[in-house]
Amino acid sequence: MEEKLGRLTERAPDEARRIGKRVAFGVISALAVFMVRRVVEKLWERIVHELPPPKAKKLALEERRRQAAS
């Protein structure tokens, strides 16, 4: 039992490092996707001169809700 515990404590720093790397990769990936989506939205607005379809749909839904509430 002590032998098993000794091996686990030896591996703990490596496991923590691996988990840290995965978390960091996940956070960096999420930020990269967020930034790319923002850039694409800005380019869409500049080229087409209107809101991207998801934003336009969201605004239309909000407008309908306001009208229904009135």
PDB file of N, CA and C in Angstrom:
ATOM      1  N   MET A   1       0.824  -1.193   0.000  1.00  0.00           N
ATOM      2  CA  MET A   1       0.000   0.000   0.000  1.00  0.00           C
ATOM      3  C   MET A   1       0.870   1.259   0.000  1.00  0.00           C
ATOM      4  N   GLU A   2       1.888   1.265   0.853  1.00  0.00           N
ATOM      5  CA  GLU A   2       2.784   2.426   0.909  1.00  0.00           C
ATOM      6  C   GLU A   2       3.525   2.592  -0.403  1.00  0.00           C
ATOM      7  N   GLU A   3       3.828   1.459  -1.038  1.00  0.00           N
ATOM      8  CA  GLU A   3       4.519   1.503  -2.321  1.00  0.00           C
ATOM      9  C   GLU A   3       3.644   2.201  -3.371  1.00  0.00           C
ATOM     10  N   LYS A   4       2.373   1.836  -3.389  1.00  0.00           N
ATOM     11  CA  LYS A   4       1.431   2.424  -4.333  1.00  0.00           C
ATOM     12  C   LYS A   4       1.267   3.926  -4.077  1.00  0.00           C
ATOM     13  N   LEU A   5       1.176   4.284  -2.822  1.00  0.00           N
ATOM     14  CA  LEU A   5       1.046   5.686  -2.446  1.00  0.00           C
ATOM     15  C   LEU A   5       2.290   6.469  -2.856  1.00  0.00           C
ATOM     16  N   GLY A   6       3.447   5.855  -2.699  1.00  0.00           N
ATOM     17  CA  GLY A   6       4.701   6.504  -3.097  1.00  0.00           C
ATOM     18  C   GLY A   6       4.737   6.781  -4.588  1.00  0.00           C
ATOM     19  N   ARG A   7       4.275   5.811  -5.387  1.00  0.00           N
ATOM     20  CA  ARG A   7       4.255   6.014  -6.844  1.00  0.00           C
ATOM     21  C   ARG A   7       3.262   7.113  -7.231  1.00  0.00           C
ATOM     22  N   LEU A   8       2.130   7.142  -6.532  1.00  0.00           N
ATOM     23  CA  LEU A   8       1.145   8.179  -6.837  1.00  0.00           C
ATOM     24  C   LEU A   8       1.673   9.573  -6.513  1.00  0.00           C
ATOM     25  N   THR A   9       2.369   9.720  -5.400  1.00  0.00           N
ATOM     26  CA  THR A   9       2.909  11.034  -5.047  1.00  0.00           C
ATOM     27  C   THR A   9       4.029  11.449  -5.990  1.00  0.00           C
ATOM     28  N   GLU A  10       4.725  10.472  -6.560  1.00  0.00           N
ATOM     29  CA  GLU A  10       5.760  10.811  -7.547  1.00  0.00           C
ATOM     30  C   GLU A  10       5.127  11.307  -8.847  1.00  0.00           C
ATOM     31  N   ARG A  11       3.993  10.733  -9.219  1.00  0.00           N
ATOM     32  CA  ARG A  11       3.323  11.104 -10.473  1.00  0.00           C
ATOM     33  C   ARG A  11       2.481  12.363 -10.347  1.00  0.00           C
ATOM     34  N   ALA A  12       2.154  12.768  -9.154  1.00  0.00           N
ATOM     35  CA  ALA A  12       1.241  13.896  -8.941  1.00  0.00           C
ATOM     36  C   ALA A  12       1.685  15.182  -9.645  1.00  0.00           C
ATOM     37  N   PRO A  13       2.950  15.592  -9.546  1.00  0.00           N
ATOM     38  CA  PRO A  13       3.344  16.831 -10.241  1.00  0.00           C
ATOM     39  C   PRO A  13       3.177  16.734 -11.761  1.00  0.00           C
ATOM     40  N   ASP A  14       3.477  15.565 -12.321  1.00  0.00           N
ATOM     41  CA  ASP A  14       3.308  15.391 -13.767  1.00  0.00           C
ATOM     42  C   ASP A  14       1.839  15.471 -14.160  1.00  0.00           C
ATOM     43  N   GLU A  15       0.996  14.831 -13.372  1.00  0.00           N
ATOM     44  CA  GLU A  15      -0.440  14.861 -13.653  1.00  0.00           C
ATOM     45  C   GLU A  15      -0.983  16.287 -13.533  1.00  0.00           C
ATOM     46  N   ALA A  16      -0.550  16.991 -12.523  1.00  0.00           N
ATOM     47  CA  ALA A  16      -0.993  18.382 -12.343  1.00  0.00           C
ATOM     48  C   ALA A  16      -0.539  19.246 -13.520  1.00  0.00           C
ATOM     49  N   ARG A  17       0.671  19.016 -13.996  1.00  0.00           N
ATOM     50  CA  ARG A  17       1.192  19.763 -15.147  1.00  0.00           C
ATOM     51  C   ARG A  17       0.364  19.465 -16.392  1.00  0.00           C
ATOM     52  N   ARG A  18       0.035  18.188 -16.605  1.00  0.00           N
ATOM     53  CA  ARG A  18      -0.785  17.808 -17.767  1.00  0.00           C
ATOM     54  C   ARG A  18      -2.160  18.450 -17.697  1.00  0.00           C
ATOM     55  N   ILE A  19      -2.764  18.411 -16.535  1.00  0.00           N
ATOM     56  CA  ILE A  19      -4.091  19.017 -16.374  1.00  0.00           C
ATOM     57  C   ILE A  19      -4.007  20.524 -16.602  1.00  0.00           C
ATOM     58  N   GLY A  20      -2.972  21.151 -16.074  1.00  0.00           N
ATOM     59  CA  GLY A  20      -2.772  22.586 -16.283  1.00  0.00           C
ATOM     60  C   GLY A  20      -2.627  22.931 -17.756  1.00  0.00           C
ATOM     61  N   LYS A  21      -1.893  22.115 -18.492  1.00  0.00           N
ATOM     62  CA  LYS A  21      -1.720  22.339 -19.924  1.00  0.00           C
ATOM     63  C   LYS A  21      -3.052  22.219 -20.658  1.00  0.00           C
ATOM     64  N   ARG A  22      -3.853  21.223 -20.284  1.00  0.00           N
ATOM     65  CA  ARG A  22      -5.150  21.048 -20.938  1.00  0.00           C
ATOM     66  C   ARG A  22      -6.075  22.229 -20.655  1.00  0.00           C
ATOM     67  N   VAL A  23      -6.069  22.692 -19.419  1.00  0.00           N
ATOM     68  CA  VAL A  23      -6.905  23.837 -19.066  1.00  0.00           C
ATOM     69  C   VAL A  23      -6.435  25.074 -19.825  1.00  0.00           C
ATOM     70  N   ALA A  24      -5.140  25.294 -19.862  1.00  0.00           N
ATOM     71  CA  ALA A  24      -4.594  26.454 -20.581  1.00  0.00           C
ATOM     72  C   ALA A  24      -4.942  26.372 -22.067  1.00  0.00           C
ATOM     73  N   PHE A  25      -4.817  25.184 -22.655  1.00  0.00           N
ATOM     74  CA  PHE A  25      -5.151  25.018 -24.067  1.00  0.00           C
ATOM     75  C   PHE A  25      -6.628  25.314 -24.301  1.00  0.00           C
ATOM     76  N   GLY A  26      -7.487  24.847 -23.408  1.00  0.00           N
ATOM     77  CA  GLY A  26      -8.923  25.098 -23.537  1.00  0.00           C
ATOM     78  C   GLY A  26      -9.251  26.580 -23.466  1.00  0.00           C
ATOM     79  N   VAL A  27      -8.629  27.267 -22.525  1.00  0.00           N
ATOM     80  CA  VAL A  27      -8.877  28.706 -22.368  1.00  0.00           C
ATOM     81  C   VAL A  27      -8.365  29.472 -23.583  1.00  0.00           C
ATOM     82  N   ILE A  28      -7.169  29.143 -24.034  1.00  0.00           N
ATOM     83  CA  ILE A  28      -6.601  29.827 -25.205  1.00  0.00           C
ATOM     84  C   ILE A  28      -7.443  29.555 -26.444  1.00  0.00           C
ATOM     85  N   SER A  29      -7.895  28.309 -26.598  1.00  0.00           N
ATOM     86  CA  SER A  29      -8.743  27.970 -27.747  1.00  0.00           C
ATOM     87  C   SER A  29     -10.046  28.751 -27.712  1.00  0.00           C
ATOM     88  N   ALA A  30     -10.658  28.832 -26.557  1.00  0.00           N
ATOM     89  CA  ALA A  30     -11.921  29.571 -26.426  1.00  0.00           C
ATOM     90  C   ALA A  30     -11.718  31.045 -26.760  1.00  0.00           C
ATOM     91  N   LEU A  31     -10.646  31.629 -26.273  1.00  0.00           N
ATOM     92  CA  LEU A  31     -10.360  33.037 -26.574  1.00  0.00           C
ATOM     93  C   LEU A  31     -10.108  33.240 -28.064  1.00  0.00           C
ATOM     94  N   ALA A  32      -9.388  32.300 -28.681  1.00  0.00           N
ATOM     95  CA  ALA A  32      -9.100  32.411 -30.114  1.00  0.00           C
ATOM     96  C   ALA A  32     -10.394  32.352 -30.921  1.00  0.00           C
ATOM     97  N   VAL A  33     -11.282  31.435 -30.579  1.00  0.00           N
ATOM     98  CA  VAL A  33     -12.559  31.324 -31.290  1.00  0.00           C
ATOM     99  C   VAL A  33     -13.366  32.602 -31.104  1.00  0.00           C
ATOM    100  N   PHE A  34     -13.408  33.117 -29.888  1.00  0.00           N
ATOM    101  CA  PHE A  34     -14.137  34.358 -29.611  1.00  0.00           C
ATOM    102  C   PHE A  34     -13.600  35.505 -30.463  1.00  0.00           C
ATOM    103  N   MET A  35     -12.280  35.652 -30.492  1.00  0.00           N
ATOM    104  CA  MET A  35     -11.676  36.752 -31.251  1.00  0.00           C
ATOM    105  C   MET A  35     -11.918  36.600 -32.751  1.00  0.00           C
ATOM    106  N   VAL A  36     -11.817  35.391 -33.271  1.00  0.00           N
ATOM    107  CA  VAL A  36     -12.044  35.168 -34.701  1.00  0.00           C
ATOM    108  C   VAL A  36     -13.491  35.499 -35.058  1.00  0.00           C
ATOM    109  N   ARG A  37     -14.427  35.103 -34.195  1.00  0.00           N
ATOM    110  CA  ARG A  37     -15.832  35.421 -34.466  1.00  0.00           C
ATOM    111  C   ARG A  37     -16.060  36.924 -34.489  1.00  0.00           C
ATOM    112  N   ARG A  38     -15.418  37.632 -33.576  1.00  0.00           N
ATOM    113  CA  ARG A  38     -15.555  39.102 -33.557  1.00  0.00           C
ATOM    114  C   ARG A  38     -15.006  39.713 -34.841  1.00  0.00           C
ATOM    115  N   VAL A  39     -13.852  39.243 -35.288  1.00  0.00           N
ATOM    116  CA  VAL A  39     -13.245  39.769 -36.516  1.00  0.00           C
ATOM    117  C   VAL A  39     -14.142  39.482 -37.714  1.00  0.00           C
ATOM    118  N   VAL A  40     -14.677  38.271 -37.784  1.00  0.00           N
ATOM    119  CA  VAL A  40     -15.559  37.913 -38.897  1.00  0.00           C
ATOM    120  C   VAL A  40     -16.810  38.788 -38.887  1.00  0.00           C
ATOM    121  N   GLU A  41     -17.382  39.039 -37.706  1.00  0.00           N
ATOM    122  CA  GLU A  41     -18.558  39.911 -37.620  1.00  0.00           C
ATOM    123  C   GLU A  41     -18.238  41.326 -38.108  1.00  0.00           C
ATOM    124  N   LYS A  42     -17.075  41.844 -37.704  1.00  0.00           N
ATOM    125  CA  LYS A  42     -16.688  43.201 -38.126  1.00  0.00           C
ATOM    126  C   LYS A  42     -16.483  43.248 -39.634  1.00  0.00           C
ATOM    127  N   LEU A  43     -15.811  42.236 -40.188  1.00  0.00           N
ATOM    128  CA  LEU A  43     -15.602  42.202 -41.636  1.00  0.00           C
ATOM    129  C   LEU A  43     -16.932  42.104 -42.375  1.00  0.00           C
ATOM    130  N   TRP A  44     -17.836  41.287 -41.862  1.00  0.00           N
ATOM    131  CA  TRP A  44     -19.160  41.139 -42.476  1.00  0.00           C
ATOM    132  C   TRP A  44     -19.859  42.490 -42.534  1.00  0.00           C
ATOM    133  N   GLU A  45     -19.844  43.201 -41.410  1.00  0.00           N
ATOM    134  CA  GLU A  45     -20.512  44.502 -41.358  1.00  0.00           C
ATOM    135  C   GLU A  45     -19.884  45.487 -42.335  1.00  0.00           C
ATOM    136  N   ARG A  46     -18.577  45.451 -42.482  1.00  0.00           N
ATOM    137  CA  ARG A  46     -17.909  46.381 -43.405  1.00  0.00           C
ATOM    138  C   ARG A  46     -18.181  46.035 -44.854  1.00  0.00           C
ATOM    139  N   ILE A  47     -18.203  44.749 -45.180  1.00  0.00           N
ATOM    140  CA  ILE A  47     -18.365  44.343 -46.576  1.00  0.00           C
ATOM    141  C   ILE A  47     -19.823  44.409 -47.010  1.00  0.00           C
ATOM    142  N   VAL A  48     -20.730  43.886 -46.200  1.00  0.00           N
ATOM    143  CA  VAL A  48     -22.139  43.772 -46.576  1.00  0.00           C
ATOM    144  C   VAL A  48     -22.941  44.987 -46.127  1.00  0.00           C
ATOM    145  N   HIS A  49     -22.439  45.741 -45.184  1.00  0.00           N
ATOM    146  CA  HIS A  49     -23.105  46.925 -44.630  1.00  0.00           C
ATOM    147  C   HIS A  49     -24.418  46.590 -43.925  1.00  0.00           C
ATOM    148  N   GLU A  50     -24.456  45.432 -43.295  1.00  0.00           N
ATOM    149  CA  GLU A  50     -25.592  45.069 -42.444  1.00  0.00           C
ATOM    150  C   GLU A  50     -25.096  44.095 -41.390  1.00  0.00           C
ATOM    151  N   LEU A  51     -25.933  43.825 -40.415  1.00  0.00           N
ATOM    152  CA  LEU A  51     -25.541  42.919 -39.340  1.00  0.00           C
ATOM    153  C   LEU A  51     -25.415  41.493 -39.850  1.00  0.00           C
ATOM    154  N   PRO A  52     -24.527  40.714 -39.242  1.00  0.00           N
ATOM    155  CA  PRO A  52     -24.446  39.293 -39.606  1.00  0.00           C
ATOM    156  C   PRO A  52     -25.773  38.601 -39.306  1.00  0.00           C
ATOM    157  N   PRO A  53     -26.113  37.542 -40.029  1.00  0.00           N
ATOM    158  CA  PRO A  53     -27.412  36.871 -39.853  1.00  0.00           C
ATOM    159  C   PRO A  53     -27.760  36.509 -38.406  1.00  0.00           C
ATOM    160  N   PRO A  54     -26.850  35.929 -37.603  1.00  0.00           N
ATOM    161  CA  PRO A  54     -27.250  35.606 -36.227  1.00  0.00           C
ATOM    162  C   PRO A  54     -27.623  36.844 -35.408  1.00  0.00           C
ATOM    163  N   LYS A  55     -26.892  37.931 -35.585  1.00  0.00           N
ATOM    164  CA  LYS A  55     -27.201  39.161 -34.849  1.00  0.00           C
ATOM    165  C   LYS A  55     -28.506  39.769 -35.337  1.00  0.00           C
ATOM    166  N   ALA A  56     -28.727  39.758 -36.640  1.00  0.00           N
ATOM    167  CA  ALA A  56     -29.951  40.321 -37.199  1.00  0.00           C
ATOM    168  C   ALA A  56     -31.157  39.528 -36.706  1.00  0.00           C
ATOM    169  N   LYS A  57     -31.017  38.210 -36.654  1.00  0.00           N
ATOM    170  CA  LYS A  57     -32.109  37.359 -36.178  1.00  0.00           C
ATOM    171  C   LYS A  57     -32.401  37.634 -34.706  1.00  0.00           C
ATOM    172  N   LYS A  58     -31.349  37.802 -33.925  1.00  0.00           N
ATOM    173  CA  LYS A  58     -31.501  38.076 -32.502  1.00  0.00           C
ATOM    174  C   LYS A  58     -32.209  39.417 -32.291  1.00  0.00           C
ATOM    175  N   LEU A  59     -31.815  40.429 -33.049  1.00  0.00           N
ATOM    176  CA  LEU A  59     -32.458  41.741 -32.935  1.00  0.00           C
ATOM    177  C   LEU A  59     -33.921  41.673 -33.355  1.00  0.00           C
ATOM    178  N   ALA A  60     -34.227  40.893 -34.392  1.00  0.00           N
ATOM    179  CA  ALA A  60     -35.607  40.755 -34.845  1.00  0.00           C
ATOM    180  C   ALA A  60     -36.460  40.090 -33.760  1.00  0.00           C
ATOM    181  N   LEU A  61     -35.923  39.077 -33.098  1.00  0.00           N
ATOM    182  CA  LEU A  61     -36.646  38.406 -32.012  1.00  0.00           C
ATOM    183  C   LEU A  61     -36.904  39.357 -30.856  1.00  0.00           C
ATOM    184  N   GLU A  62     -35.907  40.156 -30.507  1.00  0.00           N
ATOM    185  CA  GLU A  62     -36.079  41.121 -29.422  1.00  0.00           C
ATOM    186  C   GLU A  62     -37.150  42.153 -29.780  1.00  0.00           C
ATOM    187  N   GLU A  63     -37.156  42.577 -31.016  1.00  0.00           N
ATOM    188  CA  GLU A  63     -38.147  43.555 -31.461  1.00  0.00           C
ATOM    189  C   GLU A  63     -39.558  42.970 -31.385  1.00  0.00           C
ATOM    190  N   ARG A  64     -39.711  41.711 -31.804  1.00  0.00           N
ATOM    191  CA  ARG A  64     -41.021  41.051 -31.723  1.00  0.00           C
ATOM    192  C   ARG A  64     -41.487  40.926 -30.273  1.00  0.00           C
ATOM    193  N   ARG A  65     -40.566  40.619 -29.376  1.00  0.00           N
ATOM    194  CA  ARG A  65     -40.914  40.513 -27.959  1.00  0.00           C
ATOM    195  C   ARG A  65     -41.374  41.855 -27.403  1.00  0.00           C
ATOM    196  N   ARG A  66     -40.689  42.915 -27.787  1.00  0.00           N
ATOM    197  CA  ARG A  66     -41.093  44.257 -27.346  1.00  0.00           C
ATOM    198  C   ARG A  66     -42.483  44.600 -27.841  1.00  0.00           C
ATOM    199  N   GLN A  67     -42.755  44.274 -29.108  1.00  0.00           N
ATOM    200  CA  GLN A  67     -44.067  44.576 -29.684  1.00  0.00           C
ATOM    201  C   GLN A  67     -45.156  43.738 -29.020  1.00  0.00           C
ATOM    202  N   ALA A  68     -44.848  42.510 -28.698  1.00  0.00           N
ATOM    203  CA  ALA A  68     -45.824  41.632 -28.048  1.00  0.00           C
ATOM    204  C   ALA A  68     -46.118  42.127 -26.624  1.00  0.00           C
ATOM    205  N   ALA A  69     -45.097  42.669 -25.959  1.00  0.00           N
ATOM    206  CA  ALA A  69     -45.269  43.159 -24.600  1.00  0.00           C
ATOM    207  C   ALA A  69     -46.069  44.459 -24.562  1.00  0.00           C
ATOM    208  N   SER A  70     -46.047  45.190 -25.641  1.00  0.00           N
ATOM    209  CA  SER A  70     -46.754  46.492 -25.681  1.00  0.00           C
ATOM    210  C   SER A  70     -48.246  46.338 -25.846  1.00  0.00           C
TER     211      SER A  70
END
